[in-house]
C-alpha atoms as a PDB file:
ATOM      1  CA  MET A   1     111.275  65.094-157.114  1.00  0.00           C
ATOM      2  CA  ALA A   2     108.290  67.175-156.351  1.00  0.00           C
ATOM      3  CA  ARG A   3     108.325  68.604-152.912  1.00  0.00           C
ATOM      4  CA  VAL A   4     104.894  67.787-152.480  1.00  0.00           C
ATOM      5  CA  PRO A   5     103.257  64.142-152.703  1.00  0.00           C
ATOM      6  CA  LEU A   6     101.497  62.938-155.918  1.00  0.00           C
ATOM      7  CA  PRO A   7      98.823  61.409-154.577  1.00  0.00           C
ATOM      8  CA  SER A   8      96.456  58.522-155.841  1.00  0.00           C
ATOM      9  CA  ARG A   9      93.007  58.080-155.635  1.00  0.00           C
ATOM     10  CA  ASP A  10      93.273  56.059-151.933  1.00  0.00           C
ATOM     11  CA  ASP A  11      95.420  58.846-151.079  1.00  0.00           C
ATOM     12  CA  VAL A  12      92.367  61.824-151.135  1.00  0.00           C
ATOM     13  CA  PRO A  13      90.231  61.726-148.338  1.00  0.00           C
ATOM     14  CA  ALA A  14      86.728  59.461-149.429  1.00  0.00           C
ATOM     15  CA  GLU A  15      84.868  63.325-149.973  1.00  0.00           C
ATOM     16  CA  TYR A  16      86.903  64.081-152.854  1.00  0.00           C
ATOM     17  CA  ARG A  17      87.837  60.459-154.896  1.00  0.00           C
ATOM     18  CA  ASP A  18      84.597  61.295-156.827  1.00  0.00           C
ATOM     19  CA  THR A  19      86.975  65.006-157.714  1.00  0.00           C
ATOM     20  CA  TYR A  20      89.936  62.774-158.502  1.00  0.00           C
ATOM     21  CA  ASP A  21      87.630  60.392-160.828  1.00  0.00           C
ATOM     22  CA  ARG A  22      86.692  63.536-162.276  1.00  0.00           C
ATOM     23  CA  MET A  23      90.512  64.391-163.191  1.00  0.00           C
ATOM     24  CA  GLN A  24      91.405  61.376-164.286  1.00  0.00           C
ATOM     25  CA  ARG A  25      88.795  60.901-166.993  1.00  0.00           C
ATOM     26  CA  GLU A  26      89.308  65.027-168.129  1.00  0.00           C
ATOM     27  CA  ARG A  27      92.831  65.046-167.823  1.00  0.00           C
ATOM     28  CA  GLY A  28      93.971  61.339-168.722  1.00  0.00           C
ATOM     29  CA  SER A  29      95.188  58.453-166.891  1.00  0.00           C
ATOM     30  CA  PRO A  30      97.959  58.632-165.927  1.00  0.00           C
ATOM     31  CA  THR A  31      97.442  62.561-165.224  1.00  0.00           C
ATOM     32  CA  THR A  32     100.484  65.002-165.352  1.00  0.00           C
ATOM     33  CA  HIS A  33     102.111  65.864-162.330  1.00  0.00           C
ATOM     34  CA  VAL A  34     100.932  69.097-161.611  1.00  0.00           C
ATOM     35  CA  PHE A  35      97.134  68.234-161.743  1.00  0.00           C
ATOM     36  CA  LEU A  36      98.352  65.135-159.082  1.00  0.00           C
ATOM     37  CA  ALA A  37     100.040  68.089-156.962  1.00  0.00           C
ATOM     38  CA  LEU A  38      96.809  70.332-157.364  1.00  0.00           C
ATOM     39  CA  ALA A  39      94.927  66.827-155.615  1.00  0.00           C
ATOM     40  CA  ASN A  40      97.093  68.293-152.244  1.00  0.00           C
ATOM     41  CA  MET A  41      94.139  71.108-152.438  1.00  0.00           C
ATOM     42  CA  PRO A  42      91.117  68.407-152.942  1.00  0.00           C
ATOM     43  CA  ASN A  43      88.483  71.147-151.632  1.00  0.00           C
ATOM     44  CA  LEU A  44      90.073  73.237-155.045  1.00  0.00           C
ATOM     45  CA  LEU A  45      90.697  70.788-157.176  1.00  0.00           C
ATOM     46  CA  ASP A  46      87.019  70.670-158.998  1.00  0.00           C
ATOM     47  CA  ALA A  47      86.761  74.288-159.026  1.00  0.00           C
ATOM     48  CA  LEU A  48      90.404  74.047-161.259  1.00  0.00           C
ATOM     49  CA  LEU A  49      88.690  71.486-163.030  1.00  0.00           C
ATOM     50  CA  SER A  50      86.053  73.830-164.048  1.00  0.00           C
ATOM     51  CA  PHE A  51      87.931  76.702-164.141  1.00  0.00           C
ATOM     52  CA  THR A  52      90.768  75.043-166.543  1.00  0.00           C
ATOM     53  CA  GLY A  53      88.234  72.993-168.654  1.00  0.00           C
ATOM     54  CA  GLU A  54      86.311  76.286-169.634  1.00  0.00           C
ATOM     55  CA  MET A  55      89.432  78.371-170.456  1.00  0.00           C
ATOM     56  CA  ARG A  56      90.009  75.620-173.178  1.00  0.00           C
ATOM     57  CA  ARG A  57      86.794  74.529-173.925  1.00  0.00           C
ATOM     58  CA  GLY A  58      85.219  77.864-174.207  1.00  0.00           C
ATOM     59  CA  SER A  59      88.111  80.284-175.618  1.00  0.00           C
ATOM     60  CA  VAL A  60      87.314  81.912-178.972  1.00  0.00           C
ATOM     61  CA  LEU A  61      90.692  82.263-179.421  1.00  0.00           C
ATOM     62  CA  GLU A  62      92.407  80.262-182.178  1.00  0.00           C
ATOM     63  CA  ALA A  63      94.333  77.003-180.832  1.00  0.00           C
ATOM     64  CA  ARG A  64      97.284  77.877-182.193  1.00  0.00           C
ATOM     65  CA  TYR A  65      97.488  81.578-181.166  1.00  0.00           C
ATOM     66  CA  ARG A  66      96.743  80.510-177.725  1.00  0.00           C
ATOM     67  CA  GLU A  67      99.212  77.388-177.702  1.00  0.00           C
ATOM     68  CA  LEU A  68     101.950  80.612-179.241  1.00  0.00           C
ATOM     69  CA  ALA A  69     100.978  82.563-175.475  1.00  0.00           C
ATOM     70  CA  ILE A  70     101.319  79.821-173.312  1.00  0.00           C
ATOM     71  CA  MET A  71     104.541  78.623-175.040  1.00  0.00           C
ATOM     72  CA  MET A  72     105.685  82.370-174.466  1.00  0.00           C
ATOM     73  CA  THR A  73     104.420  82.512-170.598  1.00  0.00           C
ATOM     74  CA  ALA A  74     106.273  79.530-169.948  1.00  0.00           C
ATOM     75  CA  ARG A  75     109.507  80.228-172.112  1.00  0.00           C
ATOM     76  CA  ALA A  76     109.449  84.108-169.912  1.00  0.00           C
ATOM     77  CA  ALA A  77     108.885  82.583-167.054  1.00  0.00           C
ATOM     78  CA  ASN A  78     111.027  79.901-167.586  1.00  0.00           C
ATOM     79  CA  SER A  79     109.249  76.793-166.965  1.00  0.00           C
ATOM     80  CA  ALA A  80     110.627  73.939-168.558  1.00  0.00           C
ATOM     81  CA  TYR A  81     107.631  71.485-167.316  1.00  0.00           C
ATOM     82  CA  GLU A  82     104.976  73.960-168.869  1.00  0.00           C
ATOM     83  CA  PHE A  83     106.831  74.463-172.023  1.00  0.00           C
ATOM     84  CA  ASP A  84     107.831  70.934-172.618  1.00  0.00           C
ATOM     85  CA  HIS A  85     103.881  70.076-172.267  1.00  0.00           C
ATOM     86  CA  HIS A  86     102.573  72.729-174.184  1.00  0.00           C
ATOM     87  CA  TRP A  87     105.349  72.028-177.039  1.00  0.00           C
ATOM     88  CA  ASN A  88     102.977  69.020-178.044  1.00  0.00           C
ATOM     89  CA  HIS A  89      99.746  71.103-177.405  1.00  0.00           C
ATOM     90  CA  ALA A  90     101.418  73.493-179.794  1.00  0.00           C
ATOM     91  CA  ILE A  91     102.473  70.965-182.588  1.00  0.00           C
ATOM     92  CA  ARG A  92      98.937  69.214-182.543  1.00  0.00           C
ATOM     93  CA  ALA A  93      97.680  72.990-183.134  1.00  0.00           C
ATOM     94  CA  GLY A  94      99.282  72.934-185.976  1.00  0.00           C
ATOM     95  CA  ILE A  95     102.565  74.983-185.292  1.00  0.00           C
ATOM     96  CA  ALA A  96     105.776  74.264-187.087  1.00  0.00           C
ATOM     97  CA  ARG A  97     108.469  72.896-184.882  1.00  0.00           C
ATOM     98  CA  GLU A  98     110.753  75.836-186.426  1.00  0.00           C
ATOM     99  CA  LYS A  99     108.402  78.187-185.249  1.00  0.00           C
ATOM    100  CA  LEU A 100     108.895  76.790-181.745  1.00  0.00           C
ATOM    101  CA  GLU A 101     112.417  76.571-181.842  1.00  0.00           C
ATOM    102  CA  ALA A 102     112.453  80.029-183.138  1.00  0.00           C
ATOM    103  CA  LEU A 103     110.597  81.447-180.255  1.00  0.00           C
ATOM    104  CA  ASP A 104     113.327  83.647-178.590  1.00  0.00           C
ATOM    105  CA  ALA A 105     113.967  85.384-182.225  1.00  0.00           C
ATOM    106  CA  PHE A 106     110.096  86.167-182.591  1.00  0.00           C
ATOM    107  CA  GLU A 107     110.761  89.976-183.362  1.00  0.00           C
ATOM    108  CA  THR A 108     113.309  89.350-186.143  1.00  0.00           C
ATOM    109  CA  SER A 109     112.055  86.002-186.951  1.00  0.00           C
ATOM    110  CA  PRO A 110     110.527  85.914-190.663  1.00  0.00           C
ATOM    111  CA  LEU A 111     108.412  83.070-189.233  1.00  0.00           C
ATOM    112  CA  PHE A 112     106.627  85.042-187.053  1.00  0.00           C
ATOM    113  CA  ASP A 113     103.676  87.589-188.681  1.00  0.00           C
ATOM    114  CA  GLU A 114     102.778  90.755-186.988  1.00  0.00           C
ATOM    115  CA  SER A 115      99.541  89.302-185.327  1.00  0.00           C
ATOM    116  CA  GLU A 116     101.830  86.388-183.569  1.00  0.00           C
ATOM    117  CA  ARG A 117     104.510  89.198-182.536  1.00  0.00           C
ATOM    118  CA  ALA A 118     102.345  91.496-180.948  1.00  0.00           C
ATOM    119  CA  LEU A 119     100.504  88.618-178.861  1.00  0.00           C
ATOM    120  CA  LEU A 120     104.645  86.995-178.248  1.00  0.00           C
ATOM    121  CA  ARG A 121     105.515  90.897-176.561  1.00  0.00           C
ATOM    122  CA  TYR A 122     101.840  90.855-174.387  1.00  0.00           C
ATOM    123  CA  ALA A 123     102.995  87.214-173.020  1.00  0.00           C
ATOM    124  CA  VAL A 124     106.261  88.592-172.427  1.00  0.00           C
ATOM    125  CA  GLU A 125     105.528  91.688-171.103  1.00  0.00           C
ATOM    126  CA  ALA A 126     102.647  90.432-168.398  1.00  0.00           C
ATOM    127  CA  THR A 127     104.953  87.547-167.568  1.00  0.00           C
ATOM    128  CA  GLN A 128     108.043  89.619-166.671  1.00  0.00           C
ATOM    129  CA  ARG A 129     106.677  92.637-165.739  1.00  0.00           C
ATOM    130  CA  ILE A 130     103.251  92.132-165.181  1.00  0.00           C
ATOM    131  CA  GLU A 131     102.041  95.702-166.585  1.00  0.00           C
ATOM    132  CA  VAL A 132     102.417  96.125-170.515  1.00  0.00           C
ATOM    133  CA  SER A 133     102.962  99.062-172.243  1.00  0.00           C
ATOM    134  CA  GLU A 134     100.669 101.052-174.433  1.00  0.00           C
ATOM    135  CA  ALA A 135     102.379  99.998-177.515  1.00  0.00           C
ATOM    136  CA  THR A 136     102.188  96.104-176.532  1.00  0.00           C
ATOM    137  CA  TRP A 137      98.937  96.379-175.543  1.00  0.00           C
ATOM    138  CA  ASP A 138      97.767  98.821-178.618  1.00  0.00           C
ATOM    139  CA  GLY A 139      99.407  96.034-180.988  1.00  0.00           C
ATOM    140  CA  LEU A 140      97.532  93.267-179.455  1.00  0.00           C
ATOM    141  CA  THR A 141      94.225  94.810-179.807  1.00  0.00           C
ATOM    142  CA  ARG A 142      94.790  95.970-183.195  1.00  0.00           C
ATOM    143  CA  ALA A 143      95.652  92.415-183.831  1.00  0.00           C
ATOM    144  CA  PHE A 144      92.799  90.680-181.969  1.00  0.00           C
ATOM    145  CA  PRO A 145      89.224  91.670-181.552  1.00  0.00           C
ATOM    146  CA  GLN A 146      88.204  92.209-177.797  1.00  0.00           C
ATOM    147  CA  ARG A 147      87.391  88.466-177.036  1.00  0.00           C
ATOM    148  CA  GLU A 148      90.453  87.151-178.378  1.00  0.00           C
ATOM    149  CA  VAL A 149      92.212  89.741-176.034  1.00  0.00           C
ATOM    150  CA  MET A 150      90.360  88.399-172.766  1.00  0.00           C
ATOM    151  CA  ASP A 151      91.244  84.955-173.880  1.00  0.00           C
ATOM    152  CA  VAL A 152      95.051  85.592-174.483  1.00  0.00           C
ATOM    153  CA  VAL A 153      94.963  87.792-171.053  1.00  0.00           C
ATOM    154  CA  MET A 154      93.342  84.879-169.168  1.00  0.00           C
ATOM    155  CA  ALA A 155      95.323  82.392-170.718  1.00  0.00           C
ATOM    156  CA  VAL A 156      98.774  84.350-169.700  1.00  0.00           C
ATOM    157  CA  ALA A 157      97.758  84.813-166.089  1.00  0.00           C
ATOM    158  CA  TRP A 158      97.209  81.220-165.605  1.00  0.00           C
ATOM    159  CA  TYR A 159      99.772  80.053-167.170  1.00  0.00           C
ATOM    160  CA  ASN A 160     101.750  82.353-164.943  1.00  0.00           C
ATOM    161  CA  ALA A 161     100.102  81.031-162.276  1.00  0.00           C
ATOM    162  CA  VAL A 162     101.050  77.327-163.568  1.00  0.00           C
ATOM    163  CA  ALA A 163     104.675  78.453-163.139  1.00  0.00           C
ATOM    164  CA  ARG A 164     104.312  79.796-159.804  1.00  0.00           C
ATOM    165  CA  ILE A 165     102.613  76.052-158.731  1.00  0.00           C
ATOM    166  CA  ASN A 166     105.695  73.906-160.934  1.00  0.00           C
ATOM    167  CA  GLY A 167     108.431  75.832-159.753  1.00  0.00           C
ATOM    168  CA  PRO A 168     108.506  75.790-155.932  1.00  0.00           C
ATOM    169  CA  LEU A 169     106.816  72.649-155.935  1.00  0.00           C
ATOM    170  CA  LYS A 170     109.776  71.324-158.450  1.00  0.00           C
ATOM    171  CA  ILE A 171     107.167  69.630-160.388  1.00  0.00           C
ATOM    172  CA  GLU A 172     109.150  67.073-163.136  1.00  0.00           C
ATOM    173  CA  ASN A 173     108.121  65.499-166.498  1.00  0.00           C
ATOM    174  CA  GLU A 174     106.251  62.001-165.968  1.00  0.00           C
ATOM    175  CA  PRO A 175     108.470  59.294-166.620  1.00  0.00           C
ATOM    176  CA  TRP A 176     106.223  58.596-169.634  1.00  0.00           C
ATOM    177  CA  PHE A 177     106.203  62.495-171.125  1.00  0.00           C
ATOM    178  CA  LYS A 178     107.572  62.260-174.448  1.00  0.00           C
ATOM    179  CA  ARG A 179     108.063  65.855-176.688  1.00  0.00           C
ATOM    180  CA  LEU A 180     106.278  65.569-180.365  1.00  0.00           C
END
């Protein structure tokens, strides 16, 4: 059970209800637990919705690469909630289930190409060590143009933040959530 309440619209101060409504419009209703938990900081919710929306809509990185980076970030950060939710996003982005099941063996599995390996190496190192080696950075920048590299950097950084929100708050999957 989450360590913080998952507020309903009536639980937030009246001056933030428009933002709560925006959250439900943009993130869906029922709303995922992570966003409900963030609604406990109603003064930041509007900015977080704008930030996360722009990261998704404004990314020039192919969705399949973005989702692979997020999946590996969730795995490396031990964030089951984020891993589960992005499993569905990854499937919708066209990533084969077999590839997702082989993430832990990405270095040797024939399912991954060199660009994917470079991306996954970056996600693991940035999550587990913060700093990344020159070899890992060089691999990422050889595989992707600079603007796409920045999308990778921001996606991995944001989902590290999300993992560090979900873990301490003990955010759990919603009763209605199902993996594809």
